[in-house]
């Protein structure tokens, strides 16, 4: 799996280094006179009203897939009972696409916006840059900044967990930002709202299978927690 990850990353994404370079990422962003784009694939799909953005575009990135492979100890679970949130996992087929929303950040708001997002994504996410493909081909969007929790993160779970176990944890977990099942429902609804039913190549088969497992479990074991609308994560 490691070799596949390295291949995919070399094809489609590059890590933003915060040290070891003459000019740090924060310094580059602070001195930038160009706007940047942030790619949302998790809670940024529905929770984007607490930072300033100029416009948004629906589109996709290549070579990465969305998975509930990151343990959440600070938002949708606790250290004693971690929940599950999404990250992006590299694959060695560049035809694999993950749909999401890119938000344009005005260059004068980059520092404050990235400081907010760094805090929001503090549970093991690092910044990367990758190419973005807007569904509207007339839009001029290229590179996007994206937060990913990868295999260097101790909270990264990999693909060893059975999907039924992931469904059980989602159904039962709760953390400072609310229930895990609410996060899951918001994500499923947000992806559906992107209207990709007519574009099979952009449909998320993994998310569909996980939703089936969650709904099957809920039919016999409803979540013990009430739903909520706290979404200050991912």
Protein backbone atom coordinates (compact mmCIF):
# COMPACT_ATOMS: atom_id res chain seq x y z
CA UNK A 1 0.00 0.00 0.00
CA UNK A 2 2.85 2.41 0.77
CA UNK A 3 4.25 2.20 -2.76
CA UNK A 4 0.79 2.91 -4.20
CA UNK A 5 0.41 5.88 -1.87
CA UNK A 6 3.75 7.32 -2.91
CA UNK A 7 2.94 6.86 -6.59
CA UNK A 8 -0.45 8.53 -6.30
CA UNK A 9 0.94 11.40 -4.27
CA UNK A 10 3.72 12.01 -6.78
CA UNK A 11 1.13 12.12 -9.55
CA UNK A 12 -1.50 14.41 -8.11
CA UNK A 13 -0.51 16.13 -4.90
CA UNK A 14 2.38 17.85 -3.17
CA UNK A 15 2.78 18.45 0.53
CA UNK A 16 3.12 21.98 1.80
CA UNK A 17 6.26 22.16 3.91
CA UNK A 18 6.02 24.33 6.98
CA UNK A 19 9.72 24.05 7.79
CA UNK A 20 13.01 23.42 6.06
CA UNK A 21 12.43 26.00 3.36
CA UNK A 22 13.76 29.57 3.12
CA UNK A 23 10.23 30.94 3.20
CA UNK A 24 7.62 29.20 5.34
CA UNK A 25 4.12 28.46 4.12
CA UNK A 26 2.60 30.99 6.53
CA UNK A 27 5.03 33.67 5.33
CA UNK A 28 4.24 32.91 1.69
CA UNK A 29 0.53 33.14 2.35
CA UNK A 30 0.88 36.34 4.34
CA UNK A 31 2.77 38.01 1.50
CA UNK A 32 0.62 36.62 -1.29
CA UNK A 33 -1.13 39.05 -3.61
CA UNK A 34 -3.15 36.29 -5.27
CA UNK A 35 -6.32 34.61 -4.09
CA UNK A 36 -6.23 30.91 -3.21
CA UNK A 37 -8.79 28.12 -3.35
CA UNK A 38 -9.62 25.70 -0.52
CA UNK A 39 -11.06 22.27 -1.40
CA UNK A 40 -13.75 20.88 0.90
CA UNK A 41 -14.69 17.20 0.86
CA UNK A 42 -15.92 16.72 4.45
CA UNK A 43 -17.72 19.18 6.71
CA UNK A 44 -16.57 22.10 4.53
CA UNK A 45 -19.29 20.91 2.15
CA UNK A 46 -21.95 22.16 4.54
CA UNK A 47 -20.12 24.21 7.16
CA UNK A 48 -18.58 27.14 5.31
CA UNK A 49 -20.38 30.10 6.83
CA UNK A 50 -17.81 30.69 9.57
CA UNK A 51 -15.00 31.87 7.29
CA UNK A 52 -15.00 34.38 4.45
CA UNK A 53 -14.94 33.23 0.86
CA UNK A 54 -15.61 35.06 -2.41
CA UNK A 55 -17.07 32.30 -4.58
CA UNK A 56 -17.35 28.54 -4.74
CA UNK A 57 -17.18 25.93 -7.47
CA UNK A 58 -18.21 22.28 -7.55
CA UNK A 59 -15.60 19.99 -9.00
CA UNK A 60 -13.25 17.12 -8.26
CA UNK A 61 -9.67 16.10 -7.63
CA UNK A 62 -8.00 13.03 -9.14
CA UNK A 63 -6.16 10.10 -7.60
CA UNK A 64 -7.70 10.34 -4.13
CA UNK A 65 -10.80 8.75 -2.61
CA UNK A 66 -12.85 9.82 0.43
CA UNK A 67 -12.79 7.36 3.33
CA UNK A 68 -13.87 7.29 6.99
CA UNK A 69 -10.37 6.20 7.91
CA UNK A 70 -9.46 8.87 10.46
CA UNK A 71 -10.21 8.50 14.15
CA UNK A 72 -11.71 11.64 15.71
CA UNK A 73 -10.79 12.36 19.31
CA UNK A 74 -11.45 16.12 19.27
CA UNK A 75 -14.70 16.59 17.33
CA UNK A 76 -16.87 13.50 16.83
CA UNK A 77 -15.40 11.27 19.51
CA UNK A 78 -13.08 11.28 22.49
CA UNK A 79 -9.67 9.84 23.28
CA UNK A 80 -11.41 7.04 25.17
CA UNK A 81 -13.93 6.41 22.38
CA UNK A 82 -12.82 7.87 19.03
CA UNK A 83 -15.34 8.58 16.33
CA UNK A 84 -14.74 8.41 12.59
CA UNK A 85 -14.33 11.28 10.10
CA UNK A 86 -13.27 11.42 6.49
CA UNK A 87 -9.87 11.91 4.99
CA UNK A 88 -8.53 11.50 1.47
CA UNK A 89 -6.68 8.30 0.65
CA UNK A 90 -4.31 8.08 -2.33
CA UNK A 91 -4.97 5.43 -4.95
CA UNK A 92 -2.83 4.43 -7.91
CA UNK A 93 -5.55 5.03 -10.48
CA UNK A 94 -5.67 8.66 -11.55
CA UNK A 95 -9.15 8.06 -12.99
CA UNK A 96 -10.50 7.89 -9.44
CA UNK A 97 -12.15 11.22 -8.65
CA UNK A 98 -13.47 12.78 -5.44
CA UNK A 99 -16.11 15.45 -5.80
CA UNK A 100 -16.27 18.45 -3.50
CA UNK A 101 -16.44 22.23 -3.37
CA UNK A 102 -13.61 24.71 -3.88
CA UNK A 103 -13.87 28.07 -2.10
CA UNK A 104 -11.96 31.11 -3.31
CA UNK A 105 -10.29 33.05 -0.49
CA UNK A 106 -9.40 36.70 -1.10
CA UNK A 107 -5.68 37.28 -0.69
CA UNK A 108 -6.25 39.78 2.12
CA UNK A 109 -8.17 37.09 4.08
CA UNK A 110 -5.72 34.23 3.58
CA UNK A 111 -3.89 34.61 6.89
CA UNK A 112 -7.01 34.77 9.05
CA UNK A 113 -8.80 32.06 7.10
CA UNK A 114 -5.90 29.62 7.23
CA UNK A 115 -5.41 30.29 10.95
CA UNK A 116 -9.07 29.40 11.50
CA UNK A 117 -8.87 26.28 9.32
CA UNK A 118 -5.59 25.16 10.91
CA UNK A 119 -7.35 25.20 14.29
CA UNK A 120 -10.44 23.48 12.90
CA UNK A 121 -8.32 20.74 11.31
CA UNK A 122 -5.94 20.38 14.23
CA UNK A 123 -6.81 16.70 14.72
CA UNK A 124 -4.08 15.39 12.46
CA UNK A 125 -4.65 17.09 9.13
CA UNK A 126 -1.84 18.56 7.04
CA UNK A 127 -2.03 20.99 4.14
CA UNK A 128 -1.48 19.83 0.59
CA UNK A 129 -1.90 21.35 -2.84
CA UNK A 130 -3.42 19.45 -5.74
CA UNK A 131 -5.08 20.14 -9.08
CA UNK A 132 -8.81 20.87 -9.15
CA UNK A 133 -11.17 20.22 -12.05
CA UNK A 134 -14.33 22.37 -11.94
CA UNK A 135 -17.46 20.83 -13.42
CA UNK A 136 -18.00 24.15 -15.17
CA UNK A 137 -15.19 24.12 -17.71
CA UNK A 138 -15.45 27.86 -18.19
CA UNK A 139 -14.16 28.48 -14.67
CA UNK A 140 -10.47 29.24 -14.20
CA UNK A 141 -9.57 27.17 -11.14
CA UNK A 142 -6.37 25.13 -11.02
CA UNK A 143 -4.56 24.44 -7.74
CA UNK A 144 -6.49 24.00 -4.51
CA UNK A 145 -5.30 23.73 -0.92
CA UNK A 146 -6.67 20.70 0.90
CA UNK A 147 -6.36 19.23 4.40
CA UNK A 148 -5.54 15.52 4.53
CA UNK A 149 -4.90 13.16 7.42
CA UNK A 150 -2.49 10.61 5.95
CA UNK A 151 -0.61 7.52 7.10
CA UNK A 152 1.92 9.63 9.00
CA UNK A 153 -0.88 10.57 11.40
CA UNK A 154 -1.31 8.27 14.44
CA UNK A 155 -5.09 8.69 14.08
CA UNK A 156 -5.01 7.30 10.54
CA UNK A 157 -6.62 3.85 10.51
CA UNK A 158 -6.00 2.56 7.02
CA UNK A 159 -8.43 0.12 5.46
CA UNK A 160 -8.25 -2.71 7.97
CA UNK A 161 -11.48 -1.84 9.80
CA UNK A 162 -14.56 -3.72 8.49
CA UNK A 163 -17.20 -1.39 7.13
CA UNK A 164 -19.80 -2.77 9.57
CA UNK A 165 -17.52 -1.81 12.47
CA UNK A 166 -17.09 1.70 11.05
CA UNK A 167 -20.89 1.94 10.83
CA UNK A 168 -21.25 0.85 14.47
CA UNK A 169 -18.74 3.44 15.67
CA UNK A 170 -20.43 6.20 13.66
CA UNK A 171 -23.79 5.22 15.11
CA UNK A 172 -22.55 5.30 18.70
CA UNK A 173 -19.88 8.00 18.95
CA UNK A 174 -20.17 11.54 20.25
CA UNK A 175 -17.61 14.27 20.87
CA UNK A 176 -17.26 17.99 21.63
CA UNK A 177 -18.63 18.96 18.20
CA UNK A 178 -21.61 16.63 18.39
CA UNK A 179 -22.65 13.16 17.33
CA UNK A 180 -20.82 11.15 14.75
CA UNK A 181 -24.10 10.13 13.13
CA UNK A 182 -24.99 13.78 12.53
CA UNK A 183 -21.63 14.34 10.82
CA UNK A 184 -22.27 11.27 8.68
CA UNK A 185 -25.81 12.33 7.74
CA UNK A 186 -24.65 15.84 6.86
CA UNK A 187 -21.92 14.44 4.64
CA UNK A 188 -24.24 12.03 2.82
CA UNK A 189 -26.83 14.76 2.25
CA UNK A 190 -24.20 17.25 1.06
CA UNK A 191 -22.71 14.83 -1.47
CA UNK A 192 -26.21 14.04 -2.75
CA UNK A 193 -26.90 17.77 -3.15
CA UNK A 194 -23.97 18.07 -5.55
CA UNK A 195 -26.25 16.39 -8.11
CA UNK A 196 -23.84 13.72 -9.35
CA UNK A 197 -26.46 11.01 -9.98
CA UNK A 198 -26.18 11.66 -13.71
CA UNK A 199 -22.37 11.38 -13.57
CA UNK A 200 -21.57 7.78 -12.52
CA UNK A 201 -17.81 8.33 -12.57
CA UNK A 202 -18.18 10.84 -9.69
CA UNK A 203 -20.46 8.70 -7.54
CA UNK A 204 -18.99 7.52 -4.24
CA UNK A 205 -19.53 3.75 -4.04
CA UNK A 206 -17.75 3.49 -0.69
CA UNK A 207 -20.02 6.11 0.87
CA UNK A 208 -23.06 4.31 -0.53
CA UNK A 209 -21.95 1.00 0.99
CA UNK A 210 -21.23 2.65 4.33
CA UNK A 211 -24.62 4.36 4.29
CA UNK A 212 -26.30 1.00 3.66
CA UNK A 213 -24.44 -0.47 6.65
CA UNK A 214 -25.37 2.49 8.87
CA UNK A 215 -29.05 2.39 7.88
CA UNK A 216 -29.20 -1.38 8.38
CA UNK A 217 -27.71 -0.99 11.85
CA UNK A 218 -30.06 1.86 12.73
CA UNK A 219 -33.07 -0.23 11.78
CA UNK A 220 -32.29 -2.55 14.70
CA UNK A 221 -30.19 -0.24 16.90
CA UNK A 222 -31.04 3.48 16.62
CA UNK A 223 -28.33 5.90 17.65
CA UNK A 224 -28.35 6.52 21.39
CA UNK A 225 -27.62 10.21 20.79
CA UNK A 226 -29.85 12.95 19.49
CA UNK A 227 -28.80 14.58 16.26
CA UNK A 228 -27.23 18.01 16.41
CA UNK A 229 -25.96 20.79 14.21
CA UNK A 230 -22.49 21.39 15.64
CA UNK A 231 -20.11 20.93 12.73
CA UNK A 232 -16.87 22.66 13.63
CA UNK A 233 -14.73 19.90 12.19
CA UNK A 234 -13.26 18.67 8.92
